[in-house]
Amino acid sequence: MNTDSSVTGPVAALWLTVAILAGGYARTRNRSAWNWFILTLFLGPIAAFMLVTWPPLPNPGPGESQRSASVPDGGSSD
């Protein structure tokens, strides 16, 4: 198989650029930038399309982290 480097380089640069932009956009939708960056590196425009079409996650309340907002409290209500 003969690959033309005049095409491979720009396509790889575009793919990486889309992954970086998806990671940045994920932060505006309360999602993990690193997870979406990696996902977009592997799936490319499909992952970017999913990120754009899925609704954003709700904002955590004040003083709560993203993880603690989704974990139910295991304590009793004394």
N, C-alpha and C. Protein backbone atom coordinates (compact mmCIF):
# COMPACT_ATOMS: atom_id res chain seq x y z
N MET A 1 0.85 -1.17 0.00
CA MET A 1 0.00 0.00 0.00
C MET A 1 0.89 1.23 0.00
N ASN A 2 0.64 2.11 -0.90
CA ASN A 2 1.44 3.33 -1.04
C ASN A 2 0.69 4.50 -0.40
N THR A 3 1.26 5.07 0.66
CA THR A 3 0.62 6.21 1.31
C THR A 3 1.32 7.49 0.88
N ASP A 4 0.53 8.46 0.57
CA ASP A 4 1.06 9.74 0.13
C ASP A 4 1.20 10.67 1.33
N SER A 5 2.42 11.05 1.67
CA SER A 5 2.66 11.88 2.85
C SER A 5 2.10 13.29 2.68
N SER A 6 1.83 13.70 1.47
CA SER A 6 1.24 15.03 1.27
C SER A 6 -0.22 15.05 1.71
N VAL A 7 -0.83 13.89 1.88
CA VAL A 7 -2.20 13.80 2.36
C VAL A 7 -2.23 13.38 3.83
N THR A 8 -1.36 12.47 4.21
CA THR A 8 -1.36 11.92 5.56
C THR A 8 -1.08 12.98 6.62
N GLY A 9 -0.12 13.86 6.37
CA GLY A 9 0.23 14.90 7.34
C GLY A 9 -0.91 15.85 7.65
N PRO A 10 -1.54 16.46 6.63
CA PRO A 10 -2.67 17.36 6.91
C PRO A 10 -3.87 16.66 7.55
N VAL A 11 -4.13 15.41 7.17
CA VAL A 11 -5.25 14.69 7.77
C VAL A 11 -4.97 14.43 9.25
N ALA A 12 -3.75 14.04 9.58
CA ALA A 12 -3.39 13.81 10.98
C ALA A 12 -3.46 15.11 11.77
N ALA A 13 -3.02 16.21 11.19
CA ALA A 13 -3.09 17.51 11.87
C ALA A 13 -4.54 17.93 12.10
N LEU A 14 -5.40 17.70 11.12
CA LEU A 14 -6.82 18.03 11.26
C LEU A 14 -7.46 17.16 12.33
N TRP A 15 -7.13 15.87 12.35
CA TRP A 15 -7.68 14.94 13.34
C TRP A 15 -7.29 15.37 14.76
N LEU A 16 -6.03 15.73 14.95
CA LEU A 16 -5.55 16.18 16.25
C LEU A 16 -6.21 17.49 16.66
N THR A 17 -6.39 18.39 15.69
CA THR A 17 -7.04 19.67 15.98
C THR A 17 -8.48 19.46 16.43
N VAL A 18 -9.20 18.56 15.77
CA VAL A 18 -10.58 18.27 16.17
C VAL A 18 -10.61 17.69 17.57
N ALA A 19 -9.66 16.82 17.92
CA ALA A 19 -9.60 16.23 19.26
C ALA A 19 -9.34 17.30 20.32
N ILE A 20 -8.44 18.24 20.04
CA ILE A 20 -8.15 19.32 20.99
C ILE A 20 -9.37 20.21 21.17
N LEU A 21 -10.03 20.55 20.08
CA LEU A 21 -11.23 21.40 20.17
C LEU A 21 -12.36 20.68 20.90
N ALA A 22 -12.50 19.38 20.68
CA ALA A 22 -13.54 18.62 21.38
C ALA A 22 -13.27 18.60 22.89
N GLY A 23 -12.00 18.46 23.27
CA GLY A 23 -11.67 18.49 24.70
C GLY A 23 -12.01 19.83 25.32
N GLY A 24 -11.71 20.90 24.62
CA GLY A 24 -12.06 22.23 25.14
C GLY A 24 -13.55 22.45 25.21
N TYR A 25 -14.27 21.97 24.19
CA TYR A 25 -15.72 22.14 24.18
C TYR A 25 -16.38 21.29 25.26
N ALA A 26 -15.80 20.13 25.56
CA ALA A 26 -16.36 19.26 26.60
C ALA A 26 -16.38 19.97 27.95
N ARG A 27 -15.38 20.77 28.22
CA ARG A 27 -15.34 21.51 29.50
C ARG A 27 -16.50 22.48 29.61
N THR A 28 -16.94 23.06 28.50
CA THR A 28 -18.06 24.00 28.55
C THR A 28 -19.39 23.28 28.77
N ARG A 29 -19.39 21.97 28.58
CA ARG A 29 -20.61 21.17 28.77
C ARG A 29 -20.52 20.29 30.01
N ASN A 30 -19.62 20.66 30.93
CA ASN A 30 -19.44 19.97 32.22
C ASN A 30 -19.07 18.50 32.04
N ARG A 31 -18.22 18.23 31.06
CA ARG A 31 -17.73 16.88 30.81
C ARG A 31 -16.21 16.89 30.90
N SER A 32 -15.62 15.72 31.04
CA SER A 32 -14.17 15.59 31.20
C SER A 32 -13.46 15.90 29.88
N ALA A 33 -12.58 16.90 29.91
CA ALA A 33 -11.86 17.29 28.70
C ALA A 33 -10.92 16.18 28.26
N TRP A 34 -10.21 15.54 29.18
CA TRP A 34 -9.27 14.48 28.81
C TRP A 34 -9.98 13.28 28.21
N ASN A 35 -11.09 12.87 28.83
CA ASN A 35 -11.83 11.72 28.30
C ASN A 35 -12.31 11.97 26.88
N TRP A 36 -12.83 13.16 26.62
CA TRP A 36 -13.34 13.47 25.29
C TRP A 36 -12.21 13.69 24.30
N PHE A 37 -11.08 14.18 24.75
CA PHE A 37 -9.91 14.31 23.88
C PHE A 37 -9.47 12.92 23.40
N ILE A 38 -9.33 11.99 24.33
CA ILE A 38 -8.90 10.63 23.98
C ILE A 38 -9.94 9.94 23.11
N LEU A 39 -11.21 10.09 23.48
CA LEU A 39 -12.29 9.48 22.70
C LEU A 39 -12.30 10.01 21.27
N THR A 40 -12.08 11.30 21.11
CA THR A 40 -12.08 11.90 19.78
C THR A 40 -10.84 11.49 19.00
N LEU A 41 -9.72 11.25 19.67
CA LEU A 41 -8.55 10.74 18.96
C LEU A 41 -8.85 9.40 18.29
N PHE A 42 -9.62 8.55 18.98
CA PHE A 42 -9.92 7.23 18.44
C PHE A 42 -11.11 7.23 17.48
N LEU A 43 -12.15 7.97 17.82
CA LEU A 43 -13.37 7.94 17.00
C LEU A 43 -13.50 9.13 16.05
N GLY A 44 -12.71 10.16 16.27
CA GLY A 44 -12.71 11.31 15.37
C GLY A 44 -14.01 12.07 15.36
N PRO A 45 -14.50 12.42 14.18
CA PRO A 45 -15.71 13.23 14.07
C PRO A 45 -16.95 12.59 14.67
N ILE A 46 -16.97 11.27 14.80
CA ILE A 46 -18.13 10.61 15.42
C ILE A 46 -18.25 11.03 16.88
N ALA A 47 -17.13 11.03 17.62
CA ALA A 47 -17.15 11.45 19.02
C ALA A 47 -17.47 12.93 19.13
N ALA A 48 -16.93 13.75 18.23
CA ALA A 48 -17.24 15.18 18.26
C ALA A 48 -18.72 15.41 18.01
N PHE A 49 -19.31 14.66 17.12
CA PHE A 49 -20.75 14.77 16.85
C PHE A 49 -21.56 14.39 18.09
N MET A 50 -21.16 13.30 18.77
CA MET A 50 -21.86 12.89 19.99
C MET A 50 -21.76 13.97 21.06
N LEU A 51 -20.59 14.58 21.20
CA LEU A 51 -20.41 15.63 22.21
C LEU A 51 -21.32 16.82 21.93
N VAL A 52 -21.45 17.18 20.68
CA VAL A 52 -22.27 18.34 20.32
C VAL A 52 -23.76 18.05 20.49
N THR A 53 -24.18 16.82 20.18
CA THR A 53 -25.62 16.53 20.20
C THR A 53 -26.14 16.12 21.57
N TRP A 54 -25.30 15.53 22.42
CA TRP A 54 -25.77 15.16 23.76
C TRP A 54 -25.96 16.39 24.61
N PRO A 55 -26.97 16.37 25.51
CA PRO A 55 -27.18 17.54 26.37
C PRO A 55 -26.05 17.68 27.40
N PRO A 56 -25.78 18.91 27.83
CA PRO A 56 -24.72 19.10 28.84
C PRO A 56 -25.13 18.49 30.17
N LEU A 57 -24.13 18.11 30.96
CA LEU A 57 -24.39 17.61 32.30
C LEU A 57 -24.78 18.78 33.20
N PRO A 58 -25.61 18.53 34.21
CA PRO A 58 -25.97 19.62 35.13
C PRO A 58 -24.76 20.09 35.93
N ASN A 59 -24.78 21.36 36.30
CA ASN A 59 -23.71 21.92 37.13
C ASN A 59 -23.81 21.37 38.54
N PRO A 60 -22.67 21.01 39.15
CA PRO A 60 -22.72 20.60 40.55
C PRO A 60 -23.00 21.81 41.43
N GLY A 61 -23.60 21.57 42.58
CA GLY A 61 -23.90 22.64 43.50
C GLY A 61 -22.63 23.26 44.07
N PRO A 62 -22.77 24.38 44.77
CA PRO A 62 -21.58 25.02 45.36
C PRO A 62 -20.94 24.12 46.41
N GLY A 63 -19.63 24.00 46.35
CA GLY A 63 -18.90 23.19 47.31
C GLY A 63 -18.89 21.72 47.01
N GLU A 64 -19.52 21.30 45.92
CA GLU A 64 -19.54 19.90 45.55
C GLU A 64 -18.68 19.69 44.31
N SER A 65 -17.97 18.58 44.30
CA SER A 65 -17.22 18.24 43.10
C SER A 65 -18.13 17.49 42.14
N GLN A 66 -17.68 17.31 40.91
CA GLN A 66 -18.46 16.60 39.91
C GLN A 66 -18.75 15.17 40.37
N ARG A 67 -17.74 14.50 40.96
CA ARG A 67 -17.90 13.12 41.37
C ARG A 67 -18.84 13.01 42.58
N SER A 68 -18.69 13.89 43.57
CA SER A 68 -19.50 13.77 44.77
C SER A 68 -20.97 14.11 44.53
N ALA A 69 -21.24 14.85 43.46
CA ALA A 69 -22.61 15.21 43.15
C ALA A 69 -23.38 13.99 42.62
N SER A 70 -22.68 13.02 42.04
CA SER A 70 -23.36 11.87 41.46
C SER A 70 -23.34 10.64 42.37
N VAL A 71 -22.58 10.68 43.46
CA VAL A 71 -22.48 9.54 44.36
C VAL A 71 -23.50 9.72 45.48
N PRO A 72 -24.39 8.74 45.67
CA PRO A 72 -25.39 8.88 46.74
C PRO A 72 -24.74 8.82 48.11
N ASP A 73 -25.34 9.49 49.06
CA ASP A 73 -24.83 9.52 50.43
C ASP A 73 -25.14 8.19 51.10
N GLY A 74 -24.13 7.54 51.63
CA GLY A 74 -24.32 6.24 52.27
C GLY A 74 -24.62 6.34 53.75
N GLY A 75 -24.59 7.53 54.31
CA GLY A 75 -24.80 7.71 55.74
C GLY A 75 -26.27 7.71 56.11
N SER A 76 -26.52 7.65 57.42
CA SER A 76 -27.89 7.69 57.91
C SER A 76 -28.31 9.13 58.11
N SER A 77 -29.59 9.34 58.22
CA SER A 77 -30.12 10.71 58.41
C SER A 77 -30.41 10.96 59.88
N ASP A 78 -29.37 11.04 60.70
CA ASP A 78 -29.52 11.28 62.15
C ASP A 78 -29.90 12.70 62.43
